[in-house]
PDB file of N, CA and C in Angstrom:
ATOM      1  N   MET A   1       2.451   8.795 -10.894  1.00  0.00           N
ATOM      2  CA  MET A   1       1.994   7.976  -9.796  1.00  0.00           C
ATOM      3  C   MET A   1       3.025   8.066  -8.671  1.00  0.00           C
ATOM      4  N   PRO A   2       2.606   8.418  -7.466  1.00  0.00           N
ATOM      5  CA  PRO A   2       3.552   8.510  -6.363  1.00  0.00           C
ATOM      6  C   PRO A   2       4.021   7.127  -5.910  1.00  0.00           C
ATOM      7  N   VAL A   3       5.240   7.078  -5.446  1.00  0.00           N
ATOM      8  CA  VAL A   3       5.818   5.845  -4.914  1.00  0.00           C
ATOM      9  C   VAL A   3       6.314   6.136  -3.504  1.00  0.00           C
ATOM     10  N   TRP A   4       5.881   5.344  -2.541  1.00  0.00           N
ATOM     11  CA  TRP A   4       6.330   5.498  -1.165  1.00  0.00           C
ATOM     12  C   TRP A   4       7.204   4.312  -0.811  1.00  0.00           C
ATOM     13  N   ARG A   5       8.239   4.586  -0.055  1.00  0.00           N
ATOM     14  CA  ARG A   5       9.125   3.517   0.403  1.00  0.00           C
ATOM     15  C   ARG A   5       8.981   3.365   1.901  1.00  0.00           C
ATOM     16  N   MET A   6       9.048   2.125   2.355  1.00  0.00           N
ATOM     17  CA  MET A   6       8.955   1.854   3.782  1.00  0.00           C
ATOM     18  C   MET A   6       9.694   0.559   4.086  1.00  0.00           C
ATOM     19  N   LEU A   7       9.996   0.350   5.335  1.00  0.00           N
ATOM     20  CA  LEU A   7      10.691  -0.856   5.776  1.00  0.00           C
ATOM     21  C   LEU A   7       9.801  -1.644   6.722  1.00  0.00           C
ATOM     22  N   GLY A   8       9.947  -2.934   6.697  1.00  0.00           N
ATOM     23  CA  GLY A   8       9.210  -3.801   7.602  1.00  0.00           C
ATOM     24  C   GLY A   8      10.080  -4.980   7.987  1.00  0.00           C
ATOM     25  N   SER A   9       9.597  -5.764   8.921  1.00  0.00           N
ATOM     26  CA  SER A   9      10.319  -6.973   9.305  1.00  0.00           C
ATOM     27  C   SER A   9       9.322  -7.986   9.856  1.00  0.00           C
ATOM     28  N   GLY A  10       9.698  -9.236   9.813  1.00  0.00           N
ATOM     29  CA  GLY A  10       8.847 -10.294  10.333  1.00  0.00           C
ATOM     30  C   GLY A  10       7.521 -10.426   9.598  1.00  0.00           C
ATOM     31  N   GLY A  11       7.493 -10.031   8.327  1.00  0.00           N
ATOM     32  CA  GLY A  11       6.278 -10.150   7.545  1.00  0.00           C
ATOM     33  C   GLY A  11       5.275  -9.031   7.763  1.00  0.00           C
ATOM     34  N   ASN A  12       5.666  -7.975   8.495  1.00  0.00           N
ATOM     35  CA  ASN A  12       4.753  -6.873   8.776  1.00  0.00           C
ATOM     36  C   ASN A  12       5.398  -5.531   8.491  1.00  0.00           C
ATOM     37  N   ALA A  13       4.581  -4.617   8.069  1.00  0.00           N
ATOM     38  CA  ALA A  13       4.998  -3.223   7.895  1.00  0.00           C
ATOM     39  C   ALA A  13       3.764  -2.359   8.074  1.00  0.00           C
ATOM     40  N   ALA A  14       3.940  -1.174   8.630  1.00  0.00           N
ATOM     41  CA  ALA A  14       2.820  -0.263   8.845  1.00  0.00           C
ATOM     42  C   ALA A  14       2.983   0.954   7.948  1.00  0.00           C
ATOM     43  N   TRP A  15       1.878   1.410   7.402  1.00  0.00           N
ATOM     44  CA  TRP A  15       1.893   2.569   6.524  1.00  0.00           C
ATOM     45  C   TRP A  15       0.647   3.389   6.809  1.00  0.00           C
ATOM     46  N   GLU A  16       0.831   4.683   7.003  1.00  0.00           N
ATOM     47  CA  GLU A  16      -0.294   5.565   7.265  1.00  0.00           C
ATOM     48  C   GLU A  16      -0.490   6.498   6.082  1.00  0.00           C
ATOM     49  N   LEU A  17      -1.734   6.721   5.737  1.00  0.00           N
ATOM     50  CA  LEU A  17      -2.075   7.616   4.645  1.00  0.00           C
ATOM     51  C   LEU A  17      -2.971   8.714   5.206  1.00  0.00           C
ATOM     52  N   PRO A  18      -2.418   9.905   5.412  1.00  0.00           N
ATOM     53  CA  PRO A  18      -3.264  10.992   5.917  1.00  0.00           C
ATOM     54  C   PRO A  18      -4.244  11.449   4.830  1.00  0.00           C
ATOM     55  N   ILE A  19      -5.503  11.564   5.199  1.00  0.00           N
ATOM     56  CA  ILE A  19      -6.536  12.001   4.262  1.00  0.00           C
ATOM     57  C   ILE A  19      -7.119  13.307   4.798  1.00  0.00           C
ATOM     58  N   PRO A  20      -7.097  14.362   3.996  1.00  0.00           N
ATOM     59  CA  PRO A  20      -7.619  15.652   4.460  1.00  0.00           C
ATOM     60  C   PRO A  20      -9.100  15.570   4.818  1.00  0.00           C
ATOM     61  N   ASN A  21      -9.511  16.372   5.776  1.00  0.00           N
ATOM     62  CA  ASN A  21     -10.902  16.417   6.211  1.00  0.00           C
ATOM     63  C   ASN A  21     -11.700  17.295   5.246  1.00  0.00           C
ATOM     64  N   GLN A  22     -12.029  16.719   4.083  1.00  0.00           N
ATOM     65  CA  GLN A  22     -12.774  17.441   3.051  1.00  0.00           C
ATOM     66  C   GLN A  22     -13.969  16.594   2.626  1.00  0.00           C
ATOM     67  N   ILE A  23     -15.143  17.184   2.672  1.00  0.00           N
ATOM     68  CA  ILE A  23     -16.378  16.459   2.374  1.00  0.00           C
ATOM     69  C   ILE A  23     -16.378  15.861   0.971  1.00  0.00           C
ATOM     70  N   GLY A  24     -15.683  16.493   0.036  1.00  0.00           N
ATOM     71  CA  GLY A  24     -15.639  15.995  -1.332  1.00  0.00           C
ATOM     72  C   GLY A  24     -14.921  14.666  -1.480  1.00  0.00           C
ATOM     73  N   LEU A  25     -14.169  14.248  -0.463  1.00  0.00           N
ATOM     74  CA  LEU A  25     -13.446  12.981  -0.524  1.00  0.00           C
ATOM     75  C   LEU A  25     -14.263  11.802   0.017  1.00  0.00           C
ATOM     76  N   VAL A  26     -15.358  12.082   0.715  1.00  0.00           N
ATOM     77  CA  VAL A  26     -16.180  11.013   1.287  1.00  0.00           C
ATOM     78  C   VAL A  26     -16.733  10.151   0.152  1.00  0.00           C
ATOM     79  N   GLY A  27     -16.558   8.857   0.281  1.00  0.00           N
ATOM     80  CA  GLY A  27     -17.023   7.914  -0.729  1.00  0.00           C
ATOM     81  C   GLY A  27     -15.997   7.606  -1.804  1.00  0.00           C
ATOM     82  N   LEU A  28     -14.861   8.293  -1.777  1.00  0.00           N
ATOM     83  CA  LEU A  28     -13.811   8.062  -2.761  1.00  0.00           C
ATOM     84  C   LEU A  28     -13.199   6.675  -2.565  1.00  0.00           C
ATOM     85  N   HIS A  29     -13.131   5.901  -3.627  1.00  0.00           N
ATOM     86  CA  HIS A  29     -12.491   4.586  -3.592  1.00  0.00           C
ATOM     87  C   HIS A  29     -11.028   4.771  -3.990  1.00  0.00           C
ATOM     88  N   PHE A  30     -10.125   4.075  -3.284  1.00  0.00           N
ATOM     89  CA  PHE A  30      -8.737   4.060  -3.724  1.00  0.00           C
ATOM     90  C   PHE A  30      -8.171   2.664  -3.521  1.00  0.00           C
ATOM     91  N   TYR A  31      -7.130   2.387  -4.246  1.00  0.00           N
ATOM     92  CA  TYR A  31      -6.567   1.042  -4.299  1.00  0.00           C
ATOM     93  C   TYR A  31      -5.069   1.112  -4.034  1.00  0.00           C
ATOM     94  N   ASN A  32      -4.517   0.053  -3.446  1.00  0.00           N
ATOM     95  CA  ASN A  32      -3.070   0.002  -3.270  1.00  0.00           C
ATOM     96  C   ASN A  32      -2.587  -1.439  -3.340  1.00  0.00           C
ATOM     97  N   GLN A  33      -1.300  -1.542  -3.588  1.00  0.00           N
ATOM     98  CA  GLN A  33      -0.648  -2.835  -3.675  1.00  0.00           C
ATOM     99  C   GLN A  33       0.831  -2.600  -3.424  1.00  0.00           C
ATOM    100  N   ALA A  34       1.517  -3.577  -2.871  1.00  0.00           N
ATOM    101  CA  ALA A  34       2.932  -3.403  -2.534  1.00  0.00           C
ATOM    102  C   ALA A  34       3.816  -4.344  -3.350  1.00  0.00           C
ATOM    103  N   LEU A  35       4.952  -3.828  -3.742  1.00  0.00           N
ATOM    104  CA  LEU A  35       6.012  -4.618  -4.357  1.00  0.00           C
ATOM    105  C   LEU A  35       7.135  -4.677  -3.339  1.00  0.00           C
ATOM    106  N   VAL A  36       7.512  -5.886  -2.938  1.00  0.00           N
ATOM    107  CA  VAL A  36       8.524  -6.072  -1.897  1.00  0.00           C
ATOM    108  C   VAL A  36       9.734  -6.765  -2.498  1.00  0.00           C
ATOM    109  N   PHE A  37      10.880  -6.102  -2.412  1.00  0.00           N
ATOM    110  CA  PHE A  37      12.113  -6.703  -2.908  1.00  0.00           C
ATOM    111  C   PHE A  37      12.590  -7.752  -1.914  1.00  0.00           C
ATOM    112  N   ASP A  38      12.774  -8.973  -2.406  1.00  0.00           N
ATOM    113  CA  ASP A  38      13.166 -10.106  -1.566  1.00  0.00           C
ATOM    114  C   ASP A  38      14.116 -10.983  -2.373  1.00  0.00           C
ATOM    115  N   PRO A  39      15.399 -10.594  -2.428  1.00  0.00           N
ATOM    116  CA  PRO A  39      16.372 -11.338  -3.231  1.00  0.00           C
ATOM    117  C   PRO A  39      16.379 -12.831  -2.872  1.00  0.00           C
ATOM    118  N   GLY A  40      16.446 -13.649  -3.879  1.00  0.00           N
ATOM    119  CA  GLY A  40      16.506 -15.090  -3.666  1.00  0.00           C
ATOM    120  C   GLY A  40      15.147 -15.769  -3.658  1.00  0.00           C
ATOM    121  N   THR A  41      14.078 -15.007  -3.607  1.00  0.00           N
ATOM    122  CA  THR A  41      12.736 -15.596  -3.590  1.00  0.00           C
ATOM    123  C   THR A  41      12.377 -16.203  -4.933  1.00  0.00           C
ATOM    124  N   ASN A  42      12.675 -15.476  -6.001  1.00  0.00           N
ATOM    125  CA  ASN A  42      12.363 -15.929  -7.348  1.00  0.00           C
ATOM    126  C   ASN A  42      13.300 -15.213  -8.322  1.00  0.00           C
ATOM    127  N   ALA A  43      13.110 -15.426  -9.615  1.00  0.00           N
ATOM    128  CA  ALA A  43      13.992 -14.820 -10.610  1.00  0.00           C
ATOM    129  C   ALA A  43      13.909 -13.288 -10.605  1.00  0.00           C
ATOM    130  N   LEU A  44      12.756 -12.753 -10.278  1.00  0.00           N
ATOM    131  CA  LEU A  44      12.586 -11.301 -10.217  1.00  0.00           C
ATOM    132  C   LEU A  44      13.227 -10.710  -8.959  1.00  0.00           C
ATOM    133  N   GLY A  45      13.315 -11.500  -7.907  1.00  0.00           N
ATOM    134  CA  GLY A  45      13.856 -11.011  -6.639  1.00  0.00           C
ATOM    135  C   GLY A  45      12.876 -10.134  -5.901  1.00  0.00           C
ATOM    136  N   ALA A  46      11.584 -10.366  -6.137  1.00  0.00           N
ATOM    137  CA  ALA A  46      10.556  -9.556  -5.493  1.00  0.00           C
ATOM    138  C   ALA A  46       9.248 -10.331  -5.410  1.00  0.00           C
ATOM    139  N   VAL A  47       8.395  -9.924  -4.496  1.00  0.00           N
ATOM    140  CA  VAL A  47       7.052 -10.478  -4.375  1.00  0.00           C
ATOM    141  C   VAL A  47       6.064  -9.317  -4.348  1.00  0.00           C
ATOM    142  N   ILE A  48       4.820  -9.599  -4.700  1.00  0.00           N
ATOM    143  CA  ILE A  48       3.788  -8.576  -4.755  1.00  0.00           C
ATOM    144  C   ILE A  48       2.663  -8.960  -3.788  1.00  0.00           C
ATOM    145  N   SER A  49       2.176  -7.976  -3.040  1.00  0.00           N
ATOM    146  CA  SER A  49       1.107  -8.225  -2.082  1.00  0.00           C
ATOM    147  C   SER A  49      -0.230  -8.378  -2.811  1.00  0.00           C
ATOM    148  N   ASP A  50      -1.221  -8.811  -2.056  1.00  0.00           N
ATOM    149  CA  ASP A  50      -2.588  -8.772  -2.574  1.00  0.00           C
ATOM    150  C   ASP A  50      -2.972  -7.307  -2.757  1.00  0.00           C
ATOM    151  N   ALA A  51      -3.889  -7.065  -3.646  1.00  0.00           N
ATOM    152  CA  ALA A  51      -4.404  -5.709  -3.837  1.00  0.00           C
ATOM    153  C   ALA A  51      -5.426  -5.415  -2.742  1.00  0.00           C
ATOM    154  N   ALA A  52      -5.586  -4.140  -2.413  1.00  0.00           N
ATOM    155  CA  ALA A  52      -6.555  -3.737  -1.402  1.00  0.00           C
ATOM    156  C   ALA A  52      -7.338  -2.538  -1.911  1.00  0.00           C
ATOM    157  N   GLU A  53      -8.596  -2.474  -1.509  1.00  0.00           N
ATOM    158  CA  GLU A  53      -9.454  -1.339  -1.841  1.00  0.00           C
ATOM    159  C   GLU A  53      -9.938  -0.720  -0.544  1.00  0.00           C
ATOM    160  N   ALA A  54     -10.045   0.583  -0.511  1.00  0.00           N
ATOM    161  CA  ALA A  54     -10.576   1.285   0.641  1.00  0.00           C
ATOM    162  C   ALA A  54     -11.520   2.374   0.164  1.00  0.00           C
ATOM    163  N   VAL A  55     -12.432   2.772   1.049  1.00  0.00           N
ATOM    164  CA  VAL A  55     -13.368   3.840   0.742  1.00  0.00           C
ATOM    165  C   VAL A  55     -13.258   4.878   1.852  1.00  0.00           C
ATOM    166  N   VAL A  56     -13.057   6.126   1.493  1.00  0.00           N
ATOM    167  CA  VAL A  56     -12.927   7.192   2.473  1.00  0.00           C
ATOM    168  C   VAL A  56     -14.266   7.398   3.175  1.00  0.00           C
ATOM    169  N   GLY A  57     -14.214   7.420   4.508  1.00  0.00           N
ATOM    170  CA  GLY A  57     -15.418   7.695   5.297  1.00  0.00           C
ATOM    171  C   GLY A  57     -16.251   6.477   5.611  1.00  0.00           C
ATOM    172  N   ARG A  58     -15.753   5.290   5.345  1.00  0.00           N
ATOM    173  CA  ARG A  58     -16.501   4.068   5.657  1.00  0.00           C
ATOM    174  C   ARG A  58     -15.664   3.122   6.445  1.00  0.00           C
TER     175      ARG A  58
END
């Protein structure tokens, strides 16, 4: 499973996912979720975002 790292501030971060222009990908569902390290927030020192679903071509 690939892992991408990014930085954000003020509660926001932007992430782009390039999707190749291939007809076979239309209708493909994919899911993502973020783990954010935030020392002092809790015993784990991290928070997790809501999950998101997307569909290619919609």
